[in-house]
Amino acid sequence: MKKIITAFILTAVLIICLTSCGSNSSSLSEALKADEVTAPFNSRADETLVPETGIGNKTLVAYFSATGNTKSVAEKIAAIIGADLYEIIPSEPYTDDDLNYNDENSRASKEQNDPKARPQIAGEELNISDYAIIYLGYPIWFGQAPRIMNTFVERHSFENRIIFPFCTSASSGMGESANDLKSAAKTGNWMDGMRFSSDADEEQIQSWINGSNL
């Protein structure tokens, strides 16, 4: 008799736990699909926080860096949060002449003045299916993200993913660059971004991460 009662109690507890977990997972998934996320996920995408949408639970730092400034910040972010790194490499590398912002005929000047410019990306194709959280980094060129960033975000679907944009510049702010990329991507839950100087240290980066409630 005692064995029967014990089995009954264990079964009841199990049913209650499964019902509770199922309800929480469903609510989170629905919120993500409706773009109603009010706070970022844990930076390491703890699997208990990732919605059951068929995507992985890893974190990625994807970045484009023509001079190495954004690369430096991206590597520090990845080290702090334990994320994978992916460099967005242009098929045609940028030379110093290409980056001469004082020359209206330089490659960078022409690309930034052409909203339809889409520089091609080289290297191994990124499979973002493993990632639930993506940090997206780039330099500021003429107050905007480089056009190769449009190439990148238009190539991938960020549905049900959390995007943290960040940029580097000597003095310019982030401006509308993140909002422009969000509009170009058309998918994803985009969080507030951050502008860093080229010499940003780990303490500054950690402060931003902490301020994002990660």
N, C-alpha and C. Protein backbone atom coordinates (compact mmCIF):
# COMPACT_ATOMS: atom_id res chain seq x y z
N MET A 1 0.84 -1.22 0.00
CA MET A 1 0.00 0.00 0.00
C MET A 1 0.87 1.25 0.00
N LYS A 2 1.94 1.25 0.85
CA LYS A 2 2.82 2.41 0.91
C LYS A 2 3.50 2.65 -0.43
N LYS A 3 3.85 1.55 -1.14
CA LYS A 3 4.50 1.70 -2.45
C LYS A 3 3.55 2.36 -3.45
N ILE A 4 2.28 2.01 -3.38
CA ILE A 4 1.29 2.59 -4.31
C ILE A 4 1.14 4.08 -4.04
N ILE A 5 1.06 4.45 -2.77
CA ILE A 5 0.89 5.88 -2.41
C ILE A 5 2.12 6.67 -2.85
N THR A 6 3.31 6.11 -2.61
CA THR A 6 4.55 6.80 -3.01
C THR A 6 4.61 7.01 -4.52
N ALA A 7 4.24 5.99 -5.29
CA ALA A 7 4.25 6.09 -6.75
C ALA A 7 3.28 7.16 -7.22
N PHE A 8 2.11 7.20 -6.56
CA PHE A 8 1.09 8.19 -6.93
C PHE A 8 1.61 9.61 -6.70
N ILE A 9 2.28 9.82 -5.57
CA ILE A 9 2.80 11.16 -5.24
C ILE A 9 3.89 11.58 -6.24
N LEU A 10 4.80 10.67 -6.57
CA LEU A 10 5.87 10.99 -7.52
C LEU A 10 5.31 11.32 -8.89
N THR A 11 4.29 10.58 -9.30
CA THR A 11 3.66 10.85 -10.60
C THR A 11 3.02 12.22 -10.63
N ALA A 12 2.34 12.59 -9.55
CA ALA A 12 1.68 13.90 -9.48
C ALA A 12 2.70 15.03 -9.55
N VAL A 13 3.81 14.89 -8.83
CA VAL A 13 4.85 15.92 -8.83
C VAL A 13 5.44 16.08 -10.22
N LEU A 14 5.68 14.96 -10.92
CA LEU A 14 6.24 14.99 -12.25
C LEU A 14 5.33 15.72 -13.22
N ILE A 15 4.03 15.44 -13.13
CA ILE A 15 3.06 16.10 -14.02
C ILE A 15 3.05 17.59 -13.80
N ILE A 16 3.10 18.01 -12.53
CA ILE A 16 3.09 19.45 -12.21
C ILE A 16 4.33 20.13 -12.77
N CYS A 17 5.50 19.51 -12.63
CA CYS A 17 6.75 20.09 -13.12
C CYS A 17 6.73 20.23 -14.64
N LEU A 18 6.28 19.18 -15.34
CA LEU A 18 6.24 19.23 -16.79
C LEU A 18 5.30 20.29 -17.28
N THR A 19 4.15 20.41 -16.62
CA THR A 19 3.17 21.43 -17.02
C THR A 19 3.73 22.82 -16.85
N SER A 20 4.41 23.08 -15.73
CA SER A 20 5.00 24.39 -15.46
C SER A 20 6.07 24.74 -16.46
N CYS A 21 6.99 23.80 -16.77
CA CYS A 21 8.07 24.05 -17.71
C CYS A 21 7.53 24.31 -19.10
N GLY A 22 6.54 23.54 -19.51
CA GLY A 22 5.95 23.72 -20.84
C GLY A 22 5.34 25.08 -20.98
N SER A 23 4.69 25.58 -19.94
CA SER A 23 4.06 26.88 -19.99
C SER A 23 5.07 27.99 -20.12
N ASN A 24 6.20 27.92 -19.37
CA ASN A 24 7.23 28.95 -19.43
C ASN A 24 7.89 28.99 -20.79
N SER A 25 8.21 27.82 -21.35
CA SER A 25 8.85 27.77 -22.66
C SER A 25 7.96 28.37 -23.72
N SER A 26 6.65 28.06 -23.66
CA SER A 26 5.71 28.58 -24.65
C SER A 26 5.62 30.08 -24.58
N SER A 27 5.55 30.64 -23.38
CA SER A 27 5.42 32.09 -23.22
C SER A 27 6.63 32.80 -23.77
N LEU A 28 7.82 32.29 -23.50
CA LEU A 28 9.04 32.92 -23.98
C LEU A 28 9.12 32.87 -25.49
N SER A 29 8.77 31.73 -26.07
CA SER A 29 8.80 31.60 -27.51
C SER A 29 7.84 32.57 -28.17
N GLU A 30 6.64 32.71 -27.61
CA GLU A 30 5.64 33.62 -28.18
C GLU A 30 6.11 35.06 -28.09
N ALA A 31 6.77 35.41 -26.99
CA ALA A 31 7.26 36.78 -26.83
C ALA A 31 8.32 37.10 -27.87
N LEU A 32 9.21 36.14 -28.13
CA LEU A 32 10.25 36.36 -29.12
C LEU A 32 9.66 36.54 -30.51
N LYS A 33 8.71 35.70 -30.84
CA LYS A 33 8.10 35.79 -32.17
C LYS A 33 7.38 37.11 -32.36
N ALA A 34 6.90 37.68 -31.29
CA ALA A 34 6.17 38.95 -31.37
C ALA A 34 7.09 40.15 -31.18
N ASP A 35 8.43 39.90 -31.11
CA ASP A 35 9.41 40.96 -30.89
C ASP A 35 9.08 41.75 -29.63
N GLU A 36 8.70 41.06 -28.55
CA GLU A 36 8.31 41.72 -27.32
C GLU A 36 9.31 41.47 -26.20
N VAL A 37 10.55 41.13 -26.57
CA VAL A 37 11.56 40.88 -25.55
C VAL A 37 11.86 42.18 -24.82
N THR A 38 11.79 42.18 -23.51
CA THR A 38 12.03 43.40 -22.75
C THR A 38 13.39 43.40 -22.09
N ALA A 39 14.08 42.26 -22.06
CA ALA A 39 15.41 42.21 -21.49
C ALA A 39 16.23 41.16 -22.22
N PRO A 40 17.54 41.41 -22.40
CA PRO A 40 18.39 40.47 -23.13
C PRO A 40 18.53 39.15 -22.40
N PHE A 41 18.89 38.12 -23.18
CA PHE A 41 19.18 36.83 -22.59
C PHE A 41 20.55 36.85 -21.94
N ASN A 42 20.85 35.83 -21.19
CA ASN A 42 22.19 35.63 -20.65
C ASN A 42 23.18 35.58 -21.80
N SER A 43 24.36 36.19 -21.62
CA SER A 43 25.32 36.33 -22.71
C SER A 43 25.79 34.98 -23.25
N ARG A 44 25.75 33.96 -22.44
CA ARG A 44 26.17 32.65 -22.92
C ARG A 44 24.99 31.82 -23.40
N ALA A 45 23.85 32.43 -23.49
CA ALA A 45 22.65 31.75 -24.03
C ALA A 45 22.39 30.45 -23.31
N ASP A 46 22.29 30.52 -22.00
CA ASP A 46 21.97 29.34 -21.20
C ASP A 46 20.76 28.64 -21.81
N GLU A 47 20.86 27.34 -21.99
CA GLU A 47 19.83 26.62 -22.73
C GLU A 47 18.46 26.69 -22.07
N THR A 48 18.40 27.04 -20.79
CA THR A 48 17.10 27.17 -20.14
C THR A 48 16.41 28.47 -20.55
N LEU A 49 17.17 29.39 -21.16
CA LEU A 49 16.60 30.67 -21.56
C LEU A 49 16.32 30.74 -23.05
N VAL A 50 16.87 29.83 -23.82
CA VAL A 50 16.71 29.87 -25.26
C VAL A 50 15.37 29.28 -25.66
N PRO A 51 14.58 29.99 -26.47
CA PRO A 51 13.27 29.47 -26.87
C PRO A 51 13.40 28.23 -27.73
N GLU A 52 12.42 27.37 -27.66
CA GLU A 52 12.45 26.14 -28.43
C GLU A 52 11.95 26.42 -29.84
N THR A 53 12.85 26.97 -30.66
CA THR A 53 12.48 27.36 -32.01
C THR A 53 13.32 26.65 -33.05
N GLY A 54 14.06 25.63 -32.65
CA GLY A 54 14.86 24.88 -33.60
C GLY A 54 16.23 25.49 -33.85
N ILE A 55 16.62 26.53 -33.11
CA ILE A 55 17.94 27.12 -33.28
C ILE A 55 18.83 26.69 -32.12
N GLY A 56 20.14 26.90 -32.29
CA GLY A 56 21.08 26.49 -31.27
C GLY A 56 21.05 27.43 -30.08
N ASN A 57 21.94 27.18 -29.12
CA ASN A 57 21.94 27.98 -27.90
C ASN A 57 23.29 28.65 -27.66
N LYS A 58 24.05 28.86 -28.74
CA LYS A 58 25.38 29.44 -28.61
C LYS A 58 25.34 30.96 -28.89
N THR A 59 26.44 31.63 -28.56
CA THR A 59 26.57 33.06 -28.80
C THR A 59 27.69 33.31 -29.80
N LEU A 60 27.46 34.27 -30.71
CA LEU A 60 28.42 34.58 -31.77
C LEU A 60 28.76 36.07 -31.75
N VAL A 61 30.03 36.38 -32.00
CA VAL A 61 30.44 37.75 -32.26
C VAL A 61 30.88 37.80 -33.72
N ALA A 62 30.07 38.45 -34.56
CA ALA A 62 30.38 38.61 -35.98
C ALA A 62 30.79 40.06 -36.22
N TYR A 63 31.86 40.28 -36.97
CA TYR A 63 32.34 41.65 -37.12
C TYR A 63 33.03 41.86 -38.46
N PHE A 64 33.03 43.11 -38.90
CA PHE A 64 33.83 43.55 -40.04
C PHE A 64 34.81 44.59 -39.53
N SER A 65 36.08 44.44 -39.93
CA SER A 65 37.10 45.36 -39.46
C SER A 65 38.13 45.57 -40.56
N ALA A 66 38.17 46.78 -41.12
CA ALA A 66 39.11 47.07 -42.22
C ALA A 66 40.49 47.43 -41.71
N THR A 67 40.57 48.01 -40.50
CA THR A 67 41.86 48.47 -39.98
C THR A 67 42.28 47.76 -38.69
N GLY A 68 41.42 46.92 -38.15
CA GLY A 68 41.77 46.18 -36.94
C GLY A 68 41.15 46.73 -35.67
N ASN A 69 40.57 47.94 -35.72
CA ASN A 69 40.00 48.54 -34.51
C ASN A 69 38.78 47.76 -34.02
N THR A 70 37.86 47.46 -34.93
CA THR A 70 36.66 46.70 -34.54
C THR A 70 37.02 45.27 -34.15
N LYS A 71 38.02 44.72 -34.83
CA LYS A 71 38.48 43.37 -34.49
C LYS A 71 38.93 43.29 -33.04
N SER A 72 39.66 44.30 -32.59
CA SER A 72 40.16 44.31 -31.22
C SER A 72 39.02 44.27 -30.21
N VAL A 73 37.99 45.09 -30.44
CA VAL A 73 36.84 45.12 -29.54
C VAL A 73 36.06 43.81 -29.62
N ALA A 74 35.89 43.29 -30.82
CA ALA A 74 35.14 42.04 -31.01
C ALA A 74 35.81 40.89 -30.26
N GLU A 75 37.12 40.83 -30.33
CA GLU A 75 37.84 39.75 -29.64
C GLU A 75 37.69 39.86 -28.13
N LYS A 76 37.66 41.08 -27.62
CA LYS A 76 37.49 41.27 -26.18
C LYS A 76 36.08 40.86 -25.74
N ILE A 77 35.09 41.21 -26.53
CA ILE A 77 33.72 40.81 -26.21
C ILE A 77 33.61 39.29 -26.18
N ALA A 78 34.16 38.65 -27.21
CA ALA A 78 34.09 37.19 -27.30
C ALA A 78 34.77 36.52 -26.12
N ALA A 79 35.90 37.10 -25.69
CA ALA A 79 36.63 36.52 -24.56
C ALA A 79 35.84 36.66 -23.26
N ILE A 80 35.18 37.80 -23.09
CA ILE A 80 34.44 38.06 -21.86
C ILE A 80 33.22 37.15 -21.73
N ILE A 81 32.49 36.97 -22.82
CA ILE A 81 31.24 36.21 -22.75
C ILE A 81 31.37 34.77 -23.22
N GLY A 82 32.56 34.39 -23.69
CA GLY A 82 32.76 33.01 -24.13
C GLY A 82 32.04 32.69 -25.43
N ALA A 83 32.11 33.60 -26.39
CA ALA A 83 31.40 33.44 -27.66
C ALA A 83 32.33 33.01 -28.79
N ASP A 84 31.74 32.48 -29.86
CA ASP A 84 32.48 32.20 -31.08
C ASP A 84 32.73 33.50 -31.83
N LEU A 85 33.77 33.51 -32.67
CA LEU A 85 34.10 34.68 -33.47
C LEU A 85 33.93 34.37 -34.96
N TYR A 86 33.40 35.34 -35.70
CA TYR A 86 33.31 35.22 -37.16
C TYR A 86 33.66 36.56 -37.77
N GLU A 87 34.70 36.57 -38.60
CA GLU A 87 35.09 37.81 -39.26
C GLU A 87 34.43 37.91 -40.64
N ILE A 88 33.80 39.03 -40.89
CA ILE A 88 33.19 39.31 -42.19
C ILE A 88 34.30 39.85 -43.09
N ILE A 89 34.77 39.02 -44.01
CA ILE A 89 35.93 39.36 -44.84
C ILE A 89 35.47 39.74 -46.25
N PRO A 90 35.84 40.92 -46.73
CA PRO A 90 35.45 41.31 -48.09
C PRO A 90 36.19 40.51 -49.14
N SER A 91 35.52 40.18 -50.23
CA SER A 91 36.17 39.45 -51.33
C SER A 91 37.34 40.26 -51.88
N GLU A 92 37.17 41.57 -51.91
CA GLU A 92 38.23 42.47 -52.35
C GLU A 92 38.68 43.29 -51.14
N PRO A 93 39.83 42.97 -50.57
CA PRO A 93 40.29 43.69 -49.37
C PRO A 93 40.42 45.19 -49.62
N TYR A 94 40.22 45.96 -48.56
CA TYR A 94 40.33 47.41 -48.66
C TYR A 94 41.78 47.85 -48.46
N THR A 95 42.26 48.67 -49.39
CA THR A 95 43.60 49.24 -49.29
C THR A 95 43.53 50.58 -48.57
N ASP A 96 44.69 51.14 -48.27
CA ASP A 96 44.73 52.46 -47.64
C ASP A 96 44.09 53.50 -48.56
N ASP A 97 44.33 53.38 -49.85
CA ASP A 97 43.72 54.32 -50.80
C ASP A 97 42.20 54.16 -50.82
N ASP A 98 41.74 52.93 -50.70
CA ASP A 98 40.29 52.68 -50.68
C ASP A 98 39.64 53.37 -49.49
N LEU A 99 40.38 53.49 -48.40
CA LEU A 99 39.83 54.05 -47.16
C LEU A 99 40.14 55.53 -46.98
N ASN A 100 40.58 56.18 -48.04
CA ASN A 100 40.88 57.61 -47.98
C ASN A 100 39.56 58.40 -48.00
N TYR A 101 39.10 58.77 -46.82
CA TYR A 101 37.81 59.44 -46.72
C TYR A 101 37.84 60.87 -47.25
N ASN A 102 39.03 61.41 -47.48
CA ASN A 102 39.15 62.76 -48.02
C ASN A 102 39.07 62.78 -49.54
N ASP A 103 39.06 61.58 -50.12
CA ASP A 103 38.97 61.45 -51.58
C ASP A 103 37.56 60.98 -51.94
N GLU A 104 36.79 61.83 -52.58
CA GLU A 104 35.41 61.46 -52.92
C GLU A 104 35.35 60.35 -53.96
N ASN A 105 36.48 60.06 -54.59
CA ASN A 105 36.52 58.98 -55.58
C ASN A 105 37.11 57.68 -55.02
N SER A 106 37.40 57.67 -53.71
CA SER A 106 37.92 56.44 -53.11
C SER A 106 36.81 55.39 -53.06
N ARG A 107 37.21 54.17 -52.94
CA ARG A 107 36.23 53.07 -52.92
C ARG A 107 35.23 53.22 -51.78
N ALA A 108 35.73 53.52 -50.58
CA ALA A 108 34.83 53.65 -49.44
C ALA A 108 33.86 54.80 -49.64
N SER A 109 34.34 55.92 -50.17
CA SER A 109 33.47 57.07 -50.40
C SER A 109 32.36 56.73 -51.39
N LYS A 110 32.72 56.07 -52.47
CA LYS A 110 31.73 55.71 -53.48
C LYS A 110 30.70 54.72 -52.93
N GLU A 111 31.17 53.73 -52.18
CA GLU A 111 30.24 52.73 -51.63
C GLU A 111 29.27 53.38 -50.66
N GLN A 112 29.78 54.22 -49.78
CA GLN A 112 28.91 54.83 -48.77
C GLN A 112 27.92 55.81 -49.38
N ASN A 113 28.26 56.35 -50.52
CA ASN A 113 27.35 57.27 -51.21
C ASN A 113 26.34 56.55 -52.10
N ASP A 114 26.48 55.22 -52.18
CA ASP A 114 25.58 54.41 -53.01
C ASP A 114 24.79 53.45 -52.12
N PRO A 115 23.53 53.76 -51.82
CA PRO A 115 22.72 52.89 -50.94
C PRO A 115 22.57 51.46 -51.45
N LYS A 116 22.79 51.26 -52.75
CA LYS A 116 22.62 49.93 -53.32
C LYS A 116 23.92 49.13 -53.35
N ALA A 117 25.02 49.73 -52.95
CA ALA A 117 26.31 49.03 -52.97
C ALA A 117 26.28 47.86 -51.99
N ARG A 118 26.72 46.70 -52.46
CA ARG A 118 26.76 45.49 -51.63
C ARG A 118 28.07 44.75 -51.88
N PRO A 119 29.16 45.16 -51.25
CA PRO A 119 30.44 44.45 -51.41
C PRO A 119 30.29 42.97 -51.05
N GLN A 120 30.94 42.14 -51.83
CA GLN A 120 30.82 40.70 -51.62
C GLN A 120 31.67 40.22 -50.44
N ILE A 121 31.22 39.14 -49.82
CA ILE A 121 31.90 38.57 -48.67
C ILE A 121 32.64 37.29 -49.08
N ALA A 122 33.89 37.18 -48.65
CA ALA A 122 34.71 36.01 -48.96
C ALA A 122 34.72 35.05 -47.77
N GLY A 123 35.45 33.97 -47.93
CA GLY A 123 35.62 33.04 -46.83
C GLY A 123 34.48 32.05 -46.69
N GLU A 124 34.55 31.28 -45.63
CA GLU A 124 33.56 30.24 -45.37
C GLU A 124 32.20 30.85 -45.03
N GLU A 125 31.16 30.32 -45.62
CA GLU A 125 29.81 30.80 -45.36
C GLU A 125 29.43 30.51 -43.91
N LEU A 126 28.83 31.50 -43.28
CA LEU A 126 28.42 31.35 -41.89
C LEU A 126 27.08 30.64 -41.79
N ASN A 127 27.03 29.64 -40.92
CA ASN A 127 25.77 28.97 -40.60
C ASN A 127 25.34 29.46 -39.22
N ILE A 128 24.33 30.33 -39.18
CA ILE A 128 23.94 30.91 -37.89
C ILE A 128 22.91 30.06 -37.15
N SER A 129 22.64 28.88 -37.66
CA SER A 129 21.61 28.05 -37.01
C SER A 129 22.01 27.63 -35.60
N ASP A 130 23.31 27.68 -35.29
CA ASP A 130 23.77 27.28 -33.95
C ASP A 130 23.63 28.41 -32.92
N TYR A 131 23.27 29.61 -33.38
CA TYR A 131 23.38 30.77 -32.50
C TYR A 131 22.03 31.41 -32.18
N ALA A 132 21.84 31.67 -30.90
CA ALA A 132 20.62 32.36 -30.45
C ALA A 132 20.89 33.83 -30.18
N ILE A 133 22.14 34.18 -29.90
CA ILE A 133 22.53 35.56 -29.61
C ILE A 133 23.71 35.94 -30.49
N ILE A 134 23.61 37.10 -31.13
CA ILE A 134 24.67 37.55 -32.04
C ILE A 134 25.06 38.98 -31.72
N TYR A 135 26.34 39.18 -31.45
CA TYR A 135 26.91 40.52 -31.32
C TYR A 135 27.44 40.90 -32.70
N LEU A 136 27.04 42.07 -33.19
CA LEU A 136 27.36 42.45 -34.56
C LEU A 136 28.17 43.75 -34.55
N GLY A 137 29.45 43.66 -34.98
CA GLY A 137 30.34 44.80 -34.89
C GLY A 137 30.82 45.33 -36.22
N TYR A 138 31.08 46.64 -36.25
CA TYR A 138 31.52 47.30 -37.48
C TYR A 138 32.08 48.68 -37.16
N PRO A 139 32.90 49.24 -38.05
CA PRO A 139 33.36 50.62 -37.89
C PRO A 139 32.29 51.58 -38.43
N ILE A 140 32.42 52.84 -38.08
CA ILE A 140 31.53 53.86 -38.63
C ILE A 140 32.24 54.55 -39.79
N TRP A 141 31.61 54.50 -40.96
CA TRP A 141 32.14 55.18 -42.15
C TRP A 141 31.13 56.24 -42.59
N PHE A 142 31.54 57.49 -42.55
CA PHE A 142 30.66 58.58 -42.95
C PHE A 142 29.33 58.53 -42.20
N GLY A 143 29.38 58.20 -40.93
CA GLY A 143 28.19 58.17 -40.10
C GLY A 143 27.31 56.95 -40.29
N GLN A 144 27.78 55.97 -41.05
CA GLN A 144 26.99 54.77 -41.34
C GLN A 144 27.81 53.51 -41.11
N ALA A 145 27.14 52.38 -41.12
CA ALA A 145 27.84 51.09 -41.16
C ALA A 145 28.34 50.87 -42.58
N PRO A 146 29.50 50.27 -42.77
CA PRO A 146 29.97 49.95 -44.13
C PRO A 146 28.94 49.11 -44.87
N ARG A 147 28.86 49.30 -46.18
CA ARG A 147 27.84 48.62 -46.97
C ARG A 147 27.97 47.10 -46.92
N ILE A 148 29.15 46.61 -46.60
CA ILE A 148 29.32 45.16 -46.50
C ILE A 148 28.48 44.59 -45.36
N MET A 149 28.15 45.43 -44.38
CA MET A 149 27.28 44.98 -43.30
C MET A 149 25.85 44.74 -43.81
N ASN A 150 25.43 45.53 -44.79
CA ASN A 150 24.13 45.28 -45.43
C ASN A 150 24.16 43.94 -46.16
N THR A 151 25.29 43.68 -46.83
CA THR A 151 25.44 42.39 -47.50
C THR A 151 25.24 41.26 -46.50
N PHE A 152 25.85 41.40 -45.33
CA PHE A 152 25.80 40.35 -44.32
C PHE A 152 24.39 40.16 -43.75
N VAL A 153 23.76 41.24 -43.32
CA VAL A 153 22.45 41.08 -42.66
C VAL A 153 21.36 40.68 -43.63
N GLU A 154 21.50 41.06 -44.90
CA GLU A 154 20.50 40.67 -45.89
C GLU A 154 20.66 39.22 -46.32
N ARG A 155 21.81 38.65 -46.04
CA ARG A 155 22.09 37.27 -46.44
C ARG A 155 21.53 36.25 -45.44
N HIS A 156 21.31 36.67 -44.20
CA HIS A 156 20.91 35.75 -43.15
C HIS A 156 19.56 36.12 -42.55
N SER A 157 18.89 35.12 -42.03
CA SER A 157 17.65 35.35 -41.29
C SER A 157 17.97 35.36 -39.80
N PHE A 158 17.56 36.42 -39.10
CA PHE A 158 17.81 36.54 -37.67
C PHE A 158 16.53 36.32 -36.86
N GLU A 159 15.58 35.66 -37.46
CA GLU A 159 14.31 35.41 -36.78
C GLU A 159 14.54 34.66 -35.47
N ASN A 160 13.89 35.15 -34.41
CA ASN A 160 13.98 34.55 -33.07
C ASN A 160 15.39 34.61 -32.48
N ARG A 161 16.20 35.54 -32.96
CA ARG A 161 17.53 35.71 -32.42
C ARG A 161 17.68 37.10 -31.80
N ILE A 162 18.58 37.20 -30.83
CA ILE A 162 18.86 38.46 -30.16
C ILE A 162 20.11 39.07 -30.79
N ILE A 163 20.02 40.34 -31.22
CA ILE A 163 21.14 41.00 -31.87
C ILE A 163 21.59 42.19 -31.02
N PHE A 164 22.90 42.22 -30.70
CA PHE A 164 23.51 43.34 -30.01
C PHE A 164 24.49 44.02 -30.96
N PRO A 165 24.14 45.15 -31.55
CA PRO A 165 25.08 45.84 -32.43
C PRO A 165 26.10 46.65 -31.63
N PHE A 166 27.31 46.75 -32.15
CA PHE A 166 28.32 47.63 -31.57
C PHE A 166 29.20 48.15 -32.69
N CYS A 167 29.78 49.32 -32.47
CA CYS A 167 30.61 49.92 -33.51
C CYS A 167 31.84 50.55 -32.89
N THR A 168 32.81 50.88 -33.74
CA THR A 168 34.00 51.61 -33.32
C THR A 168 34.15 52.84 -34.20
N SER A 169 34.66 53.90 -33.61
CA SER A 169 34.94 55.11 -34.37
C SER A 169 35.87 55.99 -33.56
N ALA A 170 36.51 56.94 -34.26
CA ALA A 170 37.41 57.87 -33.59
C ALA A 170 36.63 58.89 -32.78
N SER A 171 35.50 59.33 -33.34
CA SER A 171 34.72 60.36 -32.64
C SER A 171 33.22 60.26 -32.91
N SER A 172 32.84 59.77 -34.08
CA SER A 172 31.42 59.71 -34.44
C SER A 172 30.66 58.74 -33.55
N GLY A 173 29.39 59.05 -33.29
CA GLY A 173 28.55 58.16 -32.52
C GLY A 173 27.97 57.07 -33.39
N MET A 174 27.14 56.24 -32.81
CA MET A 174 26.52 55.15 -33.55
C MET A 174 25.47 55.66 -34.53
N GLY A 175 24.87 56.79 -34.21
CA GLY A 175 23.86 57.37 -35.10
C GLY A 175 22.73 56.41 -35.38
N GLU A 176 22.31 56.37 -36.64
CA GLU A 176 21.22 55.50 -37.06
C GLU A 176 21.73 54.20 -37.68
N SER A 177 23.03 53.95 -37.54
CA SER A 177 23.60 52.79 -38.22
C SER A 177 22.94 51.47 -37.81
N ALA A 178 22.69 51.28 -36.52
CA ALA A 178 22.07 50.04 -36.06
C ALA A 178 20.63 49.93 -36.54
N ASN A 179 19.91 51.04 -36.49
CA ASN A 179 18.52 51.02 -36.98
C ASN A 179 18.46 50.74 -38.47
N ASP A 180 19.44 51.27 -39.21
CA ASP A 180 19.48 51.01 -40.66
C ASP A 180 19.72 49.52 -40.93
N LEU A 181 20.60 48.91 -40.16
CA LEU A 181 20.87 47.49 -40.34
C LEU A 181 19.66 46.65 -39.93
N LYS A 182 19.00 47.08 -38.88
CA LYS A 182 17.78 46.39 -38.45
C LYS A 182 16.73 46.42 -39.55
N SER A 183 16.57 47.56 -40.19
CA SER A 183 15.60 47.68 -41.29
C SER A 183 16.01 46.81 -42.46
N ALA A 184 17.31 46.74 -42.74
CA ALA A 184 17.79 45.93 -43.86
C ALA A 184 17.62 44.44 -43.56
N ALA A 185 17.84 44.05 -42.30
CA ALA A 185 17.72 42.64 -41.92
C ALA A 185 16.28 42.15 -41.93
N LYS A 186 15.37 43.02 -41.47
CA LYS A 186 13.93 42.72 -41.43
C LYS A 186 13.54 41.69 -40.38
N THR A 187 14.50 41.03 -39.78
CA THR A 187 14.21 40.03 -38.74
C THR A 187 15.15 40.22 -37.56
N GLY A 188 14.80 39.60 -36.45
CA GLY A 188 15.65 39.65 -35.27
C GLY A 188 15.14 40.60 -34.21
N ASN A 189 15.51 40.33 -32.98
CA ASN A 189 15.19 41.20 -31.86
C ASN A 189 16.43 42.04 -31.54
N TRP A 190 16.46 43.27 -32.02
CA TRP A 190 17.64 44.12 -31.94
C TRP A 190 17.63 44.92 -30.64
N MET A 191 18.70 44.78 -29.88
CA MET A 191 18.86 45.48 -28.61
C MET A 191 19.63 46.79 -28.81
N ASP A 192 19.69 47.60 -27.76
CA ASP A 192 20.45 48.84 -27.82
C ASP A 192 21.93 48.52 -28.05
N GLY A 193 22.54 49.31 -28.93
CA GLY A 193 23.94 49.09 -29.26
C GLY A 193 24.87 50.00 -28.48
N MET A 194 26.17 49.92 -28.81
CA MET A 194 27.17 50.72 -28.13
C MET A 194 28.29 51.09 -29.09
N ARG A 195 28.77 52.32 -28.94
CA ARG A 195 29.92 52.78 -29.70
C ARG A 195 31.15 52.73 -28.79
N PHE A 196 32.25 52.18 -29.31
CA PHE A 196 33.50 52.11 -28.57
C PHE A 196 34.60 52.83 -29.34
N SER A 197 35.57 53.34 -28.62
CA SER A 197 36.77 53.85 -29.27
C SER A 197 37.66 52.67 -29.60
N SER A 198 38.66 52.90 -30.43
CA SER A 198 39.52 51.81 -30.85
C SER A 198 40.33 51.22 -29.70
N ASP A 199 40.55 52.02 -28.65
CA ASP A 199 41.34 51.53 -27.52
C ASP A 199 40.48 51.15 -26.31
N ALA A 200 39.23 50.81 -26.55
CA ALA A 200 38.33 50.40 -25.46
C ALA A 200 38.93 49.21 -24.72
N ASP A 201 38.89 49.25 -23.40
CA ASP A 201 39.47 48.15 -22.62
C ASP A 201 38.38 47.21 -22.12
N GLU A 202 38.82 46.13 -21.48
CA GLU A 202 37.89 45.11 -21.01
C GLU A 202 36.90 45.66 -20.00
N GLU A 203 37.35 46.60 -19.18
CA GLU A 203 36.47 47.17 -18.15
C GLU A 203 35.29 47.92 -18.79
N GLN A 204 35.57 48.70 -19.83
CA GLN A 204 34.51 49.43 -20.52
C GLN A 204 33.52 48.47 -21.18
N ILE A 205 34.07 47.45 -21.80
CA ILE A 205 33.22 46.48 -22.48
C ILE A 205 32.38 45.70 -21.48
N GLN A 206 32.99 45.30 -20.37
CA GLN A 206 32.27 44.58 -19.33
C GLN A 206 31.15 45.44 -18.75
N SER A 207 31.41 46.74 -18.62
CA SER A 207 30.41 47.65 -18.11
C SER A 207 29.18 47.70 -19.02
N TRP A 208 29.41 47.71 -20.33
CA TRP A 208 28.29 47.69 -21.28
C TRP A 208 27.51 46.39 -21.16
N ILE A 209 28.23 45.28 -21.10
CA ILE A 209 27.57 43.98 -20.97
C ILE A 209 26.74 43.91 -19.70
N ASN A 210 27.32 44.38 -18.60
CA ASN A 210 26.59 44.39 -17.33
C ASN A 210 25.36 45.29 -17.40
N GLY A 211 25.50 46.43 -18.06
CA GLY A 211 24.39 47.36 -18.19
C GLY A 211 23.27 46.85 -19.05
N SER A 212 23.58 45.82 -19.85
CA SER A 212 22.55 45.22 -20.72
C SER A 212 21.80 44.12 -20.01
N ASN A 213 22.06 43.96 -18.70
CA ASN A 213 21.38 42.95 -17.88
C ASN A 213 21.62 41.54 -18.38
N LEU A 214 22.82 41.29 -18.86
CA LEU A 214 23.14 39.95 -19.37
C LEU A 214 23.50 39.01 -18.24
